[in-house]
Protein backbone atom coordinates (compact mmCIF):
# COMPACT_ATOMS: atom_id res chain seq x y z
CA MET A 1 119.31 114.31 126.79
CA THR A 2 122.33 116.37 125.77
CA PRO A 3 124.09 115.71 122.43
CA ALA A 4 127.15 114.51 124.34
CA ALA A 5 125.13 111.98 126.34
CA ARG A 6 123.39 110.81 123.17
CA ALA A 7 126.75 110.36 121.46
CA VAL A 8 128.05 108.31 124.41
CA ARG A 9 124.99 106.04 124.27
CA VAL A 10 125.47 105.48 120.53
CA LEU A 11 129.16 104.73 121.00
CA LEU A 12 128.40 102.24 123.77
CA ALA A 13 125.86 100.44 121.61
CA ALA A 14 128.21 100.40 118.63
CA GLY A 15 131.06 99.18 120.82
CA LEU A 16 129.00 96.31 122.25
CA PHE A 17 127.82 95.36 118.76
CA ALA A 18 131.40 95.38 117.43
CA LEU A 19 132.67 93.38 120.42
CA LEU A 20 130.03 90.67 119.96
CA LEU A 21 130.64 90.61 116.22
CA TRP A 22 134.37 90.10 116.83
CA TYR A 23 133.60 87.39 119.41
CA SER A 24 131.28 85.62 116.94
CA ASP A 25 133.82 85.87 114.07
CA PRO A 26 132.67 88.33 111.34
CA ARG A 27 133.58 85.90 108.56
CA LYS A 28 131.39 83.14 109.97
CA VAL A 29 128.52 85.55 110.63
CA ALA A 30 128.73 86.71 107.01
CA GLN A 31 128.74 83.11 105.82
CA ALA A 32 125.64 82.34 107.90
CA LEU A 33 123.78 85.35 106.51
CA ALA A 34 124.87 84.60 102.95
CA GLY A 35 123.50 81.07 103.16
CA VAL A 36 119.98 81.91 104.38
CA ASP A 37 116.97 80.18 102.86
CA TRP A 38 114.84 83.07 101.62
CA ARG A 39 111.66 80.99 101.64
CA TRP A 40 111.67 80.93 105.45
CA ILE A 41 112.47 84.63 105.58
CA ALA A 42 109.52 85.35 103.28
CA ALA A 43 107.27 83.34 105.60
CA ALA A 44 108.53 85.33 108.61
CA ALA A 45 108.00 88.60 106.74
CA ALA A 46 104.40 87.60 105.98
CA LEU A 47 103.77 87.30 109.71
CA VAL A 48 104.89 90.92 110.18
CA LEU A 49 101.64 92.03 108.56
CA ALA A 50 99.70 90.04 111.15
CA ASP A 51 101.57 91.39 114.18
CA ARG A 52 101.44 95.02 113.02
CA THR A 53 97.70 94.69 112.37
CA LEU A 54 97.12 93.33 115.86
CA MET A 55 99.35 95.99 117.43
CA ALA A 56 97.44 98.77 115.67
CA TRP A 57 94.08 97.22 116.60
CA ARG A 58 94.90 96.89 120.31
CA TRP A 59 96.03 100.51 120.67
CA ILE A 60 93.05 101.89 118.77
CA ALA A 61 90.75 99.68 120.86
CA LEU A 62 92.24 101.22 124.00
CA LEU A 63 90.89 104.62 122.91
CA ALA A 64 87.36 103.48 123.84
CA PRO A 65 87.27 105.62 127.04
CA VAL A 66 88.19 108.79 125.08
CA GLN A 67 85.61 111.54 125.51
CA HIS A 68 82.89 111.52 122.84
CA GLY A 69 83.63 113.86 119.96
CA THR A 70 87.37 114.11 120.54
CA ARG A 71 88.44 110.79 118.98
CA PRO A 72 90.19 111.26 115.61
CA SER A 73 89.10 109.37 112.51
CA MET A 74 90.30 105.81 111.92
CA GLY A 75 92.58 107.00 109.11
CA SER A 76 94.19 109.57 111.42
CA LEU A 77 94.72 106.97 114.14
CA LEU A 78 96.35 104.54 111.72
CA ARG A 79 98.69 107.27 110.48
CA ILE A 80 99.64 108.14 114.06
CA PHE A 81 100.30 104.48 114.88
CA PHE A 82 102.45 103.64 111.87
CA ILE A 83 104.38 106.93 111.81
CA THR A 84 105.24 106.75 115.52
CA THR A 85 106.15 103.08 115.19
CA PHE A 86 108.65 104.11 112.51
CA ILE A 87 109.98 107.03 114.57
CA GLY A 88 110.37 104.70 117.54
CA THR A 89 112.95 102.74 115.52
CA PHE A 90 115.43 105.54 116.21
CA LEU A 91 114.46 106.25 119.83
CA PRO A 92 114.77 104.38 123.13
CA SER A 93 111.93 101.94 123.80
CA VAL A 94 109.70 104.53 125.48
CA GLY A 95 110.54 107.25 122.97
CA GLY A 96 108.05 106.05 120.38
CA ASP A 97 105.35 105.88 123.07
CA ALA A 98 106.00 109.51 124.03
CA VAL A 99 105.79 110.66 120.42
CA ARG A 100 102.55 108.69 119.92
CA ALA A 101 100.93 110.31 122.96
CA TRP A 102 102.07 113.75 121.77
CA ARG A 103 100.73 113.29 118.25
CA LEU A 104 97.43 111.95 119.57
CA SER A 105 97.05 114.99 121.83
CA ARG A 106 97.72 117.24 118.83
CA ALA A 107 94.88 115.48 117.03
CA GLY A 108 92.44 116.64 119.69
CA VAL A 109 92.51 113.97 122.41
CA SER A 110 93.26 115.25 125.90
CA SER A 111 96.85 114.80 127.01
CA HIS A 112 95.75 112.67 129.97
CA GLU A 113 93.78 110.26 127.78
CA SER A 114 96.56 110.17 125.17
CA VAL A 115 99.20 109.19 127.71
CA ALA A 116 96.85 106.72 129.42
CA SER A 117 96.16 104.87 126.15
CA VAL A 118 99.88 104.49 125.45
CA LEU A 119 100.65 103.41 129.01
CA MET A 120 97.90 100.77 128.97
CA ASP A 121 99.10 99.52 125.59
CA ARG A 122 102.63 99.17 126.94
CA LEU A 123 101.52 97.62 130.24
CA LEU A 124 99.33 94.98 128.61
CA GLY A 125 102.09 94.25 126.11
CA VAL A 126 104.60 93.59 128.89
CA ILE A 127 102.09 91.40 130.73
CA ALA A 128 101.62 89.38 127.53
CA ILE A 129 105.40 88.93 127.25
CA LEU A 130 105.51 87.69 130.84
CA MET A 131 102.71 85.22 130.10
CA ALA A 132 104.58 83.96 127.04
CA ALA A 133 107.78 83.67 129.06
CA ALA A 134 106.01 81.71 131.79
CA ALA A 135 104.54 79.33 129.23
CA GLY A 136 107.89 78.85 127.50
CA LEU A 137 109.79 78.21 130.72
CA ALA A 138 107.09 75.84 131.97
CA ALA A 139 107.45 73.82 128.78
CA ALA A 140 111.24 73.78 129.00
CA PRO A 141 112.30 74.61 132.60
CA ASP A 142 115.81 73.28 132.05
CA LEU A 143 116.58 75.84 129.37
CA LEU A 144 116.90 78.84 131.66
CA GLY A 145 118.15 78.22 135.15
CA GLU A 146 119.88 81.53 135.69
CA ARG A 147 118.84 83.29 138.88
CA ALA A 148 119.23 86.71 137.23
CA VAL A 149 116.58 85.81 134.65
CA TRP A 150 114.05 84.74 137.24
CA LEU A 151 114.82 87.83 139.31
CA GLY A 152 114.27 90.03 136.26
CA LEU A 153 110.95 88.35 135.56
CA ALA A 154 109.89 88.77 139.20
CA VAL A 155 110.74 92.48 139.19
CA THR A 156 108.88 92.98 135.91
CA LEU A 157 105.87 91.11 137.28
CA ALA A 158 105.88 93.28 140.41
CA GLY A 159 105.96 96.41 138.27
CA CYS A 160 103.04 95.20 136.15
CA ALA A 161 101.07 94.30 139.26
CA ALA A 162 101.66 97.79 140.66
CA GLY A 163 100.53 99.35 137.40
CA MET A 164 97.35 97.30 137.23
CA SER A 165 96.57 98.06 140.88
CA VAL A 166 96.53 101.77 140.06
CA VAL A 167 93.87 101.05 137.43
CA PHE A 168 91.67 98.68 139.41
CA SER A 169 92.25 99.66 143.04
CA ARG A 170 90.91 102.99 144.27
CA ARG A 171 93.03 102.59 147.40
CA ALA A 172 96.23 102.21 145.39
CA GLY A 173 95.40 105.22 143.26
CA GLY A 174 94.59 107.30 146.32
CA ALA A 175 97.84 106.24 147.97
CA LEU A 176 99.77 107.34 144.90
CA VAL A 177 98.13 110.78 144.90
CA ALA A 178 98.72 111.15 148.64
CA LEU A 179 102.38 110.26 148.15
CA MET A 180 102.75 112.91 145.47
CA ARG A 181 101.14 115.51 147.73
CA ARG A 182 103.75 114.83 150.39
CA THR A 183 106.72 114.72 148.03
CA ALA A 184 108.68 117.94 147.74
CA GLY A 185 109.04 119.22 144.21
CA VAL A 186 106.18 117.13 142.84
CA ALA A 187 103.28 119.22 144.13
CA ARG A 188 103.31 121.34 140.97
CA LEU A 189 102.71 118.18 138.96
CA GLN A 190 99.82 117.08 141.17
CA GLY A 191 97.10 118.28 138.79
CA ALA A 192 98.63 116.50 135.82
CA ALA A 193 99.16 113.32 137.86
CA GLU A 194 95.57 113.31 139.11
CA GLY A 195 94.29 113.84 135.56
CA LEU A 196 96.37 110.94 134.28
CA LEU A 197 95.23 108.76 137.18
CA ALA A 198 91.59 109.51 136.36
CA ALA A 199 92.21 108.60 132.70
CA LEU A 200 93.83 105.32 133.73
CA ARG A 201 91.05 104.48 136.17
CA ALA A 202 88.51 104.97 133.37
CA TYR A 203 89.69 101.58 132.08
CA ASN A 204 88.25 100.00 135.22
CA GLY A 205 84.87 100.17 133.49
CA HIS A 206 86.19 98.41 130.36
CA ARG A 207 87.42 95.11 131.76
CA GLY A 208 86.10 93.11 128.82
CA LEU A 209 88.00 95.41 126.46
CA LEU A 210 91.21 94.98 128.46
CA ALA A 211 90.82 91.20 128.37
CA GLY A 212 90.44 91.33 124.59
CA VAL A 213 93.46 93.59 124.20
CA LEU A 214 95.52 91.31 126.45
CA THR A 215 94.52 88.34 124.29
CA MET A 216 95.61 90.20 121.16
CA SER A 217 98.85 91.19 122.87
CA LEU A 218 99.55 87.56 123.68
CA ALA A 219 98.85 86.66 120.05
CA VAL A 220 101.42 89.29 119.00
CA GLN A 221 104.06 87.66 121.20
CA VAL A 222 103.32 84.20 119.80
CA ILE A 223 103.65 85.60 116.27
CA ARG A 224 107.01 87.17 117.14
CA ILE A 225 108.24 83.85 118.53
CA LEU A 226 107.16 82.12 115.32
CA GLN A 227 108.95 84.80 113.30
CA ALA A 228 112.18 84.09 115.16
CA TRP A 229 111.73 80.35 114.67
CA LEU A 230 111.25 80.81 110.92
CA LEU A 231 114.33 83.03 110.76
CA GLY A 232 116.25 80.34 112.64
CA LEU A 233 115.14 77.75 110.08
CA SER A 234 116.40 80.05 107.32
CA LEU A 235 119.85 79.92 108.96
CA GLY A 236 119.75 76.16 109.44
CA ILE A 237 119.50 76.41 113.24
CA THR A 238 118.26 73.08 114.58
CA ALA A 239 117.02 74.27 118.00
CA GLY A 240 113.41 73.25 118.49
CA PRO A 241 110.40 75.58 118.95
CA ALA A 242 110.59 75.13 122.75
CA ALA A 243 113.87 77.05 122.83
CA TYR A 244 112.30 79.97 120.97
CA PHE A 245 109.28 80.03 123.29
CA ALA A 246 111.65 80.09 126.26
CA PHE A 247 114.16 82.62 124.93
CA ILE A 248 112.36 85.13 122.71
CA PRO A 249 110.11 86.58 125.47
CA ILE A 250 113.24 87.14 127.58
CA ILE A 251 114.94 88.85 124.65
CA LEU A 252 111.85 91.00 124.02
CA LEU A 253 111.99 92.19 127.62
CA VAL A 254 115.65 93.13 127.07
CA LEU A 255 114.61 95.12 123.99
CA LEU A 256 112.11 97.06 126.11
CA LEU A 257 114.87 98.35 128.39
CA PRO A 258 116.00 101.95 127.73
CA LEU A 259 119.47 100.80 126.71
CA PRO A 260 121.83 102.56 124.30
CA GLY A 261 121.21 101.99 120.60
CA ASN A 262 117.57 100.91 120.91
CA GLY A 263 118.45 97.22 120.99
CA ILE A 264 121.62 97.32 118.90
CA GLY A 265 124.30 95.44 120.81
CA SER A 266 122.07 94.40 123.71
CA SER A 267 119.89 92.24 121.46
CA GLN A 268 122.96 90.54 119.99
CA ALA A 269 124.23 89.82 123.50
CA ALA A 270 120.84 88.36 124.50
CA PHE A 271 120.63 86.12 121.43
CA VAL A 272 124.21 84.86 121.75
CA TRP A 273 123.85 84.15 125.48
CA THR A 274 120.44 82.46 125.40
CA PHE A 275 120.74 80.39 122.24
CA GLY A 276 124.26 79.39 123.16
CA ARG A 277 122.69 77.42 126.01
CA VAL A 278 121.12 75.01 123.52
CA GLY A 279 124.21 74.59 121.36
CA VAL A 280 123.64 77.31 118.75
CA SER A 281 126.99 78.69 117.62
CA SER A 282 127.77 82.35 118.28
CA PRO A 283 127.92 83.23 114.54
CA HIS A 284 124.46 81.76 113.93
CA ALA A 285 122.98 83.31 117.07
CA PHE A 286 124.44 86.69 116.09
CA ALA A 287 123.07 86.32 112.56
CA LEU A 288 119.65 85.42 113.99
CA SER A 289 119.67 88.60 116.06
CA VAL A 290 120.47 90.69 112.98
CA LEU A 291 117.63 89.10 111.02
CA PHE A 292 115.20 89.53 113.92
CA ILE A 293 115.98 93.24 114.34
CA GLY A 294 115.95 93.68 110.57
CA LEU A 295 112.52 92.10 110.32
CA GLY A 296 111.22 94.60 112.85
CA ILE A 297 112.61 97.45 110.78
CA VAL A 298 110.87 96.05 107.69
CA GLY A 299 107.62 96.10 109.63
CA ASN A 300 108.13 99.80 110.32
CA LEU A 301 108.59 100.75 106.66
CA PRO A 302 104.90 101.64 106.07
CA GLY A 303 105.33 104.31 108.73
CA ALA A 304 108.43 105.57 106.93
CA LEU A 305 106.42 106.05 103.73
CA LEU A 306 103.63 107.85 105.57
CA TYR A 307 106.17 110.01 107.34
CA ALA A 308 107.95 110.91 104.10
CA PHE A 309 104.97 111.40 101.79
CA GLY A 310 101.83 111.60 103.90
CA ARG A 311 100.47 114.54 105.77
CA GLY A 312 100.93 114.63 109.54
CA GLU A 313 98.21 114.84 112.15
CA ARG A 314 96.73 118.28 112.62
CA PRO A 315 94.31 119.54 115.23
CA GLY A 316 90.77 119.67 113.96
CA GLU A 317 90.94 116.67 111.63
CA ALA A 318 87.77 114.66 111.12
CA ARG A 319 86.55 112.78 114.15
CA ALA A 320 85.39 109.18 114.20
């Protein structure tokens, strides 16, 4: 991306944030944030440790198919996870994934296996969000009746189904390779694509592992919903837990989109729109979005310390 394009994306995100702040009344947003109950915020912050632990565990578990002797040590893997999680704060949603795959390949894992582990981590995470969204909407179907939301969920589900079919269906994988062979301009990438496909299909022999990772991913989403609920209590928001279980998965899907500002502006719009449907005022919904994003940044601080003071991954480090 050129510097000009990056600047435009930042300006768009900042403009959307400023517009929503103006719409929500800056004075009332400031009053809401100034009156928070820090006991609930401390409780939400405590849950950050749990979700980051589960997120690290699920990605490291997905390295099981890595060729023997090429897997870095546990300490190296934890450094890669936390540092790239921090770096991802400043990049679009898939940017942190790309950096994680790159750093893992530098630590000695093949590029195909590195990318495959990150893709599976992302895919299972999105599936877990969809499961949480389905549960939330089933419990409170009247909360979200917008056709656009259901359409978005259906498209996301179709994408996840296509991704999983590549892993579990030899026919789907073969069809993908055949398509690439017939596509002009992609033939030169055929070798890399086939290597990545083989790395993804290696997970077909680890179905129990994938089920465990999916369970942990679902636990992460539940923890995030509880974090938002606790932050809402700190602001005095009276919406019940059902609203959070219905709305937060939708908002998390919005945060996964490669939008300008890595969630700044778009997350505020999602919070104001969804929580407004259950009577939460715009200032309080905007304040909740700020606290929710801020809590995520706090969870990335260990990676900031490792990035600033720790040594980076180098090829040839000790293997697990």
